[in-house]
Amino acid sequence: MDLCELSFVKKKLGRFLRNDVLEGVIKQAISECGLIEKNDYSVEEMHKILERMIGFGGFCELVARNIKARLILRK
């Protein structure tokens, strides 16, 4: 599973949030970034989504910062 796949983000966030909450958070982050929901994103698009999730705080921030660090280190 690739770090830029939405399913990867959902899997990681699903460890901390109920599925209905998780779906709402992800939809909100994608929408606020001006993107459409799809499974595969470019690295730049994923960075935007993760930055927005960091702004939500709590477990969203924890997961987003972890994935963002992994994206940066993979380059």
PDB file of N, CA and C in Angstrom:
ATOM      1  N   MET A   1       0.845  -1.176   0.000  1.00  0.00           N
ATOM      2  CA  MET A   1       0.000   0.000   0.000  1.00  0.00           C
ATOM      3  C   MET A   1       0.893   1.242   0.000  1.00  0.00           C
ATOM      4  N   ASP A   2       0.612   2.170  -0.905  1.00  0.00           N
ATOM      5  CA  ASP A   2       1.431   3.365  -1.069  1.00  0.00           C
ATOM      6  C   ASP A   2       0.996   4.467  -0.106  1.00  0.00           C
ATOM      7  N   LEU A   3       1.940   5.294   0.307  1.00  0.00           N
ATOM      8  CA  LEU A   3       1.659   6.391   1.237  1.00  0.00           C
ATOM      9  C   LEU A   3       0.722   7.435   0.645  1.00  0.00           C
ATOM     10  N   CYS A   4       0.633   7.521  -0.673  1.00  0.00           N
ATOM     11  CA  CYS A   4      -0.230   8.508  -1.326  1.00  0.00           C
ATOM     12  C   CYS A   4      -1.607   7.949  -1.668  1.00  0.00           C
ATOM     13  N   GLU A   5      -1.919   6.793  -1.172  1.00  0.00           N
ATOM     14  CA  GLU A   5      -3.245   6.212  -1.377  1.00  0.00           C
ATOM     15  C   GLU A   5      -4.146   6.586  -0.217  1.00  0.00           C
ATOM     16  N   LEU A   6      -5.354   6.985  -0.531  1.00  0.00           N
ATOM     17  CA  LEU A   6      -6.311   7.363   0.500  1.00  0.00           C
ATOM     18  C   LEU A   6      -6.620   6.179   1.410  1.00  0.00           C
ATOM     19  N   SER A   7      -6.605   4.984   0.858  1.00  0.00           N
ATOM     20  CA  SER A   7      -6.874   3.797   1.670  1.00  0.00           C
ATOM     21  C   SER A   7      -5.814   3.622   2.757  1.00  0.00           C
ATOM     22  N   PHE A   8      -4.570   4.033   2.492  1.00  0.00           N
ATOM     23  CA  PHE A   8      -3.506   3.957   3.497  1.00  0.00           C
ATOM     24  C   PHE A   8      -3.811   4.914   4.654  1.00  0.00           C
ATOM     25  N   VAL A   9      -4.208   6.136   4.320  1.00  0.00           N
ATOM     26  CA  VAL A   9      -4.547   7.126   5.342  1.00  0.00           C
ATOM     27  C   VAL A   9      -5.734   6.637   6.177  1.00  0.00           C
ATOM     28  N   LYS A  10      -6.742   6.091   5.508  1.00  0.00           N
ATOM     29  CA  LYS A  10      -7.919   5.585   6.220  1.00  0.00           C
ATOM     30  C   LYS A  10      -7.545   4.442   7.158  1.00  0.00           C
ATOM     31  N   LYS A  11      -6.666   3.568   6.707  1.00  0.00           N
ATOM     32  CA  LYS A  11      -6.255   2.438   7.538  1.00  0.00           C
ATOM     33  C   LYS A  11      -5.566   2.929   8.810  1.00  0.00           C
ATOM     34  N   LYS A  12      -4.654   3.877   8.647  1.00  0.00           N
ATOM     35  CA  LYS A  12      -3.926   4.407   9.811  1.00  0.00           C
ATOM     36  C   LYS A  12      -4.847   5.185  10.747  1.00  0.00           C
ATOM     37  N   LEU A  13      -5.708   6.011  10.201  1.00  0.00           N
ATOM     38  CA  LEU A  13      -6.621   6.806  11.014  1.00  0.00           C
ATOM     39  C   LEU A  13      -7.686   5.935  11.665  1.00  0.00           C
ATOM     40  N   GLY A  14      -8.012   4.828  11.014  1.00  0.00           N
ATOM     41  CA  GLY A  14      -9.001   3.898  11.536  1.00  0.00           C
ATOM     42  C   GLY A  14      -8.598   3.228  12.839  1.00  0.00           C
ATOM     43  N   ARG A  15      -7.339   3.301  13.177  1.00  0.00           N
ATOM     44  CA  ARG A  15      -6.880   2.749  14.457  1.00  0.00           C
ATOM     45  C   ARG A  15      -7.346   3.602  15.637  1.00  0.00           C
ATOM     46  N   PHE A  16      -7.683   4.865  15.355  1.00  0.00           N
ATOM     47  CA  PHE A  16      -8.033   5.804  16.418  1.00  0.00           C
ATOM     48  C   PHE A  16      -9.460   6.330  16.358  1.00  0.00           C
ATOM     49  N   LEU A  17     -10.066   6.319  15.166  1.00  0.00           N
ATOM     50  CA  LEU A  17     -11.390   6.914  14.994  1.00  0.00           C
ATOM     51  C   LEU A  17     -12.386   5.899  14.451  1.00  0.00           C
ATOM     52  N   ARG A  18     -13.656   6.091  14.834  1.00  0.00           N
ATOM     53  CA  ARG A  18     -14.721   5.269  14.253  1.00  0.00           C
ATOM     54  C   ARG A  18     -14.811   5.563  12.758  1.00  0.00           C
ATOM     55  N   ASN A  19     -15.309   4.618  12.005  1.00  0.00           N
ATOM     56  CA  ASN A  19     -15.355   4.738  10.550  1.00  0.00           C
ATOM     57  C   ASN A  19     -16.156   5.953  10.084  1.00  0.00           C
ATOM     58  N   ASP A  20     -17.295   6.237  10.726  1.00  0.00           N
ATOM     59  CA  ASP A  20     -18.104   7.378  10.296  1.00  0.00           C
ATOM     60  C   ASP A  20     -17.383   8.702  10.549  1.00  0.00           C
ATOM     61  N   VAL A  21     -16.675   8.812  11.662  1.00  0.00           N
ATOM     62  CA  VAL A  21     -15.908  10.022  11.982  1.00  0.00           C
ATOM     63  C   VAL A  21     -14.734  10.156  11.017  1.00  0.00           C
ATOM     64  N   LEU A  22     -14.056   9.065  10.796  1.00  0.00           N
ATOM     65  CA  LEU A  22     -12.916   9.032   9.897  1.00  0.00           C
ATOM     66  C   LEU A  22     -13.296   9.492   8.491  1.00  0.00           C
ATOM     67  N   GLU A  23     -14.390   8.989   7.969  1.00  0.00           N
ATOM     68  CA  GLU A  23     -14.851   9.375   6.630  1.00  0.00           C
ATOM     69  C   GLU A  23     -15.144  10.872   6.569  1.00  0.00           C
ATOM     70  N   GLY A  24     -15.779  11.398   7.609  1.00  0.00           N
ATOM     71  CA  GLY A  24     -16.103  12.821   7.648  1.00  0.00           C
ATOM     72  C   GLY A  24     -14.863  13.694   7.676  1.00  0.00           C
ATOM     73  N   VAL A  25     -13.882  13.297   8.466  1.00  0.00           N
ATOM     74  CA  VAL A  25     -12.628  14.047   8.581  1.00  0.00           C
ATOM     75  C   VAL A  25     -11.901  14.066   7.239  1.00  0.00           C
ATOM     76  N   ILE A  26     -11.809  12.931   6.610  1.00  0.00           N
ATOM     77  CA  ILE A  26     -11.092  12.848   5.335  1.00  0.00           C
ATOM     78  C   ILE A  26     -11.810  13.640   4.251  1.00  0.00           C
ATOM     79  N   LYS A  27     -13.127  13.503   4.181  1.00  0.00           N
ATOM     80  CA  LYS A  27     -13.901  14.261   3.189  1.00  0.00           C
ATOM     81  C   LYS A  27     -13.733  15.761   3.404  1.00  0.00           C
ATOM     82  N   GLN A  28     -13.754  16.188   4.654  1.00  0.00           N
ATOM     83  CA  GLN A  28     -13.598  17.607   4.963  1.00  0.00           C
ATOM     84  C   GLN A  28     -12.209  18.100   4.555  1.00  0.00           C
ATOM     85  N   ALA A  29     -11.177  17.351   4.875  1.00  0.00           N
ATOM     86  CA  ALA A  29      -9.807  17.749   4.524  1.00  0.00           C
ATOM     87  C   ALA A  29      -9.638  17.852   3.009  1.00  0.00           C
ATOM     88  N   ILE A  30     -10.142  16.878   2.291  1.00  0.00           N
ATOM     89  CA  ILE A  30     -10.032  16.878   0.829  1.00  0.00           C
ATOM     90  C   ILE A  30     -10.784  18.065   0.244  1.00  0.00           C
ATOM     91  N   SER A  31     -11.993  18.283   0.728  1.00  0.00           N
ATOM     92  CA  SER A  31     -12.819  19.383   0.243  1.00  0.00           C
ATOM     93  C   SER A  31     -12.162  20.735   0.503  1.00  0.00           C
ATOM     94  N   GLU A  32     -11.625  20.923   1.702  1.00  0.00           N
ATOM     95  CA  GLU A  32     -10.994  22.192   2.060  1.00  0.00           C
ATOM     96  C   GLU A  32      -9.708  22.444   1.274  1.00  0.00           C
ATOM     97  N   CYS A  33      -9.141  21.396   0.704  1.00  0.00           N
ATOM     98  CA  CYS A  33      -7.948  21.543  -0.140  1.00  0.00           C
ATOM     99  C   CYS A  33      -8.317  21.811  -1.597  1.00  0.00           C
ATOM    100  N   GLY A  34      -9.607  21.752  -1.888  1.00  0.00           N
ATOM    101  CA  GLY A  34     -10.060  21.976  -3.252  1.00  0.00           C
ATOM    102  C   GLY A  34      -9.817  20.798  -4.172  1.00  0.00           C
ATOM    103  N   LEU A  35      -9.726  19.610  -3.594  1.00  0.00           N
ATOM    104  CA  LEU A  35      -9.477  18.392  -4.363  1.00  0.00           C
ATOM    105  C   LEU A  35     -10.739  17.550  -4.429  1.00  0.00           C
ATOM    106  N   ILE A  36     -10.739  16.572  -5.319  1.00  0.00           N
ATOM    107  CA  ILE A  36     -11.831  15.614  -5.379  1.00  0.00           C
ATOM    108  C   ILE A  36     -11.370  14.326  -4.711  1.00  0.00           C
ATOM    109  N   GLU A  37     -12.330  13.557  -4.222  1.00  0.00           N
ATOM    110  CA  GLU A  37     -11.979  12.301  -3.558  1.00  0.00           C
ATOM    111  C   GLU A  37     -11.665  11.230  -4.595  1.00  0.00           C
ATOM    112  N   LYS A  38     -10.491  10.649  -4.462  1.00  0.00           N
ATOM    113  CA  LYS A  38     -10.036   9.543  -5.300  1.00  0.00           C
ATOM    114  C   LYS A  38      -9.104   8.709  -4.434  1.00  0.00           C
ATOM    115  N   ASN A  39      -8.634   7.596  -4.913  1.00  0.00           N
ATOM    116  CA  ASN A  39      -7.768   6.776  -4.065  1.00  0.00           C
ATOM    117  C   ASN A  39      -6.302   7.179  -4.164  1.00  0.00           C
ATOM    118  N   ASP A  40      -5.835   7.528  -5.342  1.00  0.00           N
ATOM    119  CA  ASP A  40      -4.419   7.855  -5.525  1.00  0.00           C
ATOM    120  C   ASP A  40      -4.227   9.355  -5.704  1.00  0.00           C
ATOM    121  N   TYR A  41      -3.306   9.909  -4.931  1.00  0.00           N
ATOM    122  CA  TYR A  41      -2.978  11.328  -5.012  1.00  0.00           C
ATOM    123  C   TYR A  41      -1.497  11.485  -5.309  1.00  0.00           C
ATOM    124  N   SER A  42      -1.153  12.645  -5.884  1.00  0.00           N
ATOM    125  CA  SER A  42       0.269  12.948  -6.065  1.00  0.00           C
ATOM    126  C   SER A  42       0.842  13.272  -4.683  1.00  0.00           C
ATOM    127  N   VAL A  43       2.155  13.307  -4.594  1.00  0.00           N
ATOM    128  CA  VAL A  43       2.803  13.622  -3.319  1.00  0.00           C
ATOM    129  C   VAL A  43       2.386  15.027  -2.867  1.00  0.00           C
ATOM    130  N   GLU A  44       2.322  15.964  -3.792  1.00  0.00           N
ATOM    131  CA  GLU A  44       1.942  17.335  -3.455  1.00  0.00           C
ATOM    132  C   GLU A  44       0.507  17.398  -2.928  1.00  0.00           C
ATOM    133  N   GLU A  45      -0.403  16.682  -3.592  1.00  0.00           N
ATOM    134  CA  GLU A  45      -1.791  16.657  -3.141  1.00  0.00           C
ATOM    135  C   GLU A  45      -1.898  16.031  -1.751  1.00  0.00           C
ATOM    136  N   MET A  46      -1.164  14.945  -1.527  1.00  0.00           N
ATOM    137  CA  MET A  46      -1.217  14.283  -0.225  1.00  0.00           C
ATOM    138  C   MET A  46      -0.661  15.193   0.857  1.00  0.00           C
ATOM    139  N   HIS A  47       0.374  15.953   0.552  1.00  0.00           N
ATOM    140  CA  HIS A  47       0.911  16.907   1.528  1.00  0.00           C
ATOM    141  C   HIS A  47      -0.162  17.939   1.906  1.00  0.00           C
ATOM    142  N   LYS A  48      -0.918  18.410   0.935  1.00  0.00           N
ATOM    143  CA  LYS A  48      -1.993  19.375   1.212  1.00  0.00           C
ATOM    144  C   LYS A  48      -3.036  18.766   2.138  1.00  0.00           C
ATOM    145  N   ILE A  49      -3.448  17.553   1.839  1.00  0.00           N
ATOM    146  CA  ILE A  49      -4.458  16.868   2.656  1.00  0.00           C
ATOM    147  C   ILE A  49      -3.932  16.664   4.074  1.00  0.00           C
ATOM    148  N   LEU A  50      -2.701  16.219   4.193  1.00  0.00           N
ATOM    149  CA  LEU A  50      -2.116  15.972   5.511  1.00  0.00           C
ATOM    150  C   LEU A  50      -1.962  17.266   6.303  1.00  0.00           C
ATOM    151  N   GLU A  51      -1.589  18.353   5.644  1.00  0.00           N
ATOM    152  CA  GLU A  51      -1.483  19.647   6.330  1.00  0.00           C
ATOM    153  C   GLU A  51      -2.834  20.073   6.894  1.00  0.00           C
ATOM    154  N   ARG A  52      -3.875  19.854   6.118  1.00  0.00           N
ATOM    155  CA  ARG A  52      -5.221  20.198   6.583  1.00  0.00           C
ATOM    156  C   ARG A  52      -5.604  19.335   7.774  1.00  0.00           C
ATOM    157  N   MET A  53      -5.277  18.049   7.726  1.00  0.00           N
ATOM    158  CA  MET A  53      -5.580  17.146   8.838  1.00  0.00           C
ATOM    159  C   MET A  53      -4.793  17.524  10.088  1.00  0.00           C
ATOM    160  N   ILE A  54      -3.579  18.019   9.924  1.00  0.00           N
ATOM    161  CA  ILE A  54      -2.791  18.474  11.072  1.00  0.00           C
ATOM    162  C   ILE A  54      -3.528  19.604  11.779  1.00  0.00           C
ATOM    163  N   GLY A  55      -4.174  20.449  11.007  1.00  0.00           N
ATOM    164  CA  GLY A  55      -4.949  21.555  11.572  1.00  0.00           C
ATOM    165  C   GLY A  55      -6.141  21.105  12.397  1.00  0.00           C
ATOM    166  N   PHE A  56      -6.615  19.888  12.205  1.00  0.00           N
ATOM    167  CA  PHE A  56      -7.746  19.374  12.982  1.00  0.00           C
ATOM    168  C   PHE A  56      -7.338  18.994  14.400  1.00  0.00           C
ATOM    169  N   GLY A  57      -6.041  18.745  14.611  1.00  0.00           N
ATOM    170  CA  GLY A  57      -5.551  18.379  15.939  1.00  0.00           C
ATOM    171  C   GLY A  57      -5.861  16.935  16.309  1.00  0.00           C
ATOM    172  N   GLY A  58      -5.566  16.576  17.545  1.00  0.00           N
ATOM    173  CA  GLY A  58      -5.852  15.246  18.089  1.00  0.00           C
ATOM    174  C   GLY A  58      -5.229  14.112  17.305  1.00  0.00           C
ATOM    175  N   PHE A  59      -5.986  13.021  17.187  1.00  0.00           N
ATOM    176  CA  PHE A  59      -5.489  11.842  16.490  1.00  0.00           C
ATOM    177  C   PHE A  59      -5.281  12.109  15.004  1.00  0.00           C
ATOM    178  N   CYS A  60      -6.081  13.010  14.438  1.00  0.00           N
ATOM    179  CA  CYS A  60      -5.884  13.371  13.029  1.00  0.00           C
ATOM    180  C   CYS A  60      -4.497  13.958  12.830  1.00  0.00           C
ATOM    181  N   GLU A  61      -4.112  14.834  13.744  1.00  0.00           N
ATOM    182  CA  GLU A  61      -2.793  15.453  13.667  1.00  0.00           C
ATOM    183  C   GLU A  61      -1.692  14.403  13.836  1.00  0.00           C
ATOM    184  N   LEU A  62      -1.853  13.531  14.797  1.00  0.00           N
ATOM    185  CA  LEU A  62      -0.864  12.484  15.054  1.00  0.00           C
ATOM    186  C   LEU A  62      -0.628  11.630  13.812  1.00  0.00           C
ATOM    187  N   VAL A  63      -1.696  11.154  13.217  1.00  0.00           N
ATOM    188  CA  VAL A  63      -1.589  10.288  12.040  1.00  0.00           C
ATOM    189  C   VAL A  63      -1.022  11.070  10.852  1.00  0.00           C
ATOM    190  N   ALA A  64      -1.520  12.286  10.643  1.00  0.00           N
ATOM    191  CA  ALA A  64      -1.066  13.088   9.503  1.00  0.00           C
ATOM    192  C   ALA A  64       0.424  13.410   9.607  1.00  0.00           C
ATOM    193  N   ARG A  65       0.885  13.760  10.792  1.00  0.00           N
ATOM    194  CA  ARG A  65       2.317  14.071  10.961  1.00  0.00           C
ATOM    195  C   ARG A  65       3.172  12.824  10.715  1.00  0.00           C
ATOM    196  N   ASN A  66       2.706  11.676  11.154  1.00  0.00           N
ATOM    197  CA  ASN A  66       3.437  10.430  10.937  1.00  0.00           C
ATOM    198  C   ASN A  66       3.549  10.112   9.448  1.00  0.00           C
ATOM    199  N   ILE A  67       2.434  10.204   8.735  1.00  0.00           N
ATOM    200  CA  ILE A  67       2.449   9.902   7.299  1.00  0.00           C
ATOM    201  C   ILE A  67       3.286  10.935   6.554  1.00  0.00           C
ATOM    202  N   LYS A  68       3.166  12.198   6.944  1.00  0.00           N
ATOM    203  CA  LYS A  68       3.937  13.255   6.289  1.00  0.00           C
ATOM    204  C   LYS A  68       5.444  13.018   6.462  1.00  0.00           C
ATOM    205  N   ALA A  69       5.857  12.646   7.653  1.00  0.00           N
ATOM    206  CA  ALA A  69       7.277  12.353   7.888  1.00  0.00           C
ATOM    207  C   ALA A  69       7.738  11.184   7.029  1.00  0.00           C
ATOM    208  N   ARG A  70       6.902  10.182   6.894  1.00  0.00           N
ATOM    209  CA  ARG A  70       7.262   9.028   6.073  1.00  0.00           C
ATOM    210  C   ARG A  70       7.371   9.411   4.596  1.00  0.00           C
ATOM    211  N   LEU A  71       6.492  10.315   4.144  1.00  0.00           N
ATOM    212  CA  LEU A  71       6.560  10.798   2.762  1.00  0.00           C
ATOM    213  C   LEU A  71       7.862  11.554   2.524  1.00  0.00           C
ATOM    214  N   ILE A  72       8.243  12.390   3.464  1.00  0.00           N
ATOM    215  CA  ILE A  72       9.461  13.175   3.334  1.00  0.00           C
ATOM    216  C   ILE A  72      10.693  12.270   3.336  1.00  0.00           C
ATOM    217  N   LEU A  73      10.717  11.299   4.224  1.00  0.00           N
ATOM    218  CA  LEU A  73      11.867  10.407   4.342  1.00  0.00           C
ATOM    219  C   LEU A  73      12.024   9.462   3.161  1.00  0.00           C
ATOM    220  N   ARG A  74      10.942   9.196   2.473  1.00  0.00           N
ATOM    221  CA  ARG A  74      10.987   8.245   1.360  1.00  0.00           C
ATOM    222  C   ARG A  74      11.683   8.830   0.142  1.00  0.00           C
ATOM    223  N   LYS A  75      11.784  10.148   0.053  1.00  0.00           N
ATOM    224  CA  LYS A  75      12.406  10.783  -1.122  1.00  0.00           C
ATOM    225  C   LYS A  75      13.893  10.539  -1.154  1.00  0.00           C
TER     226      LYS A  75
END
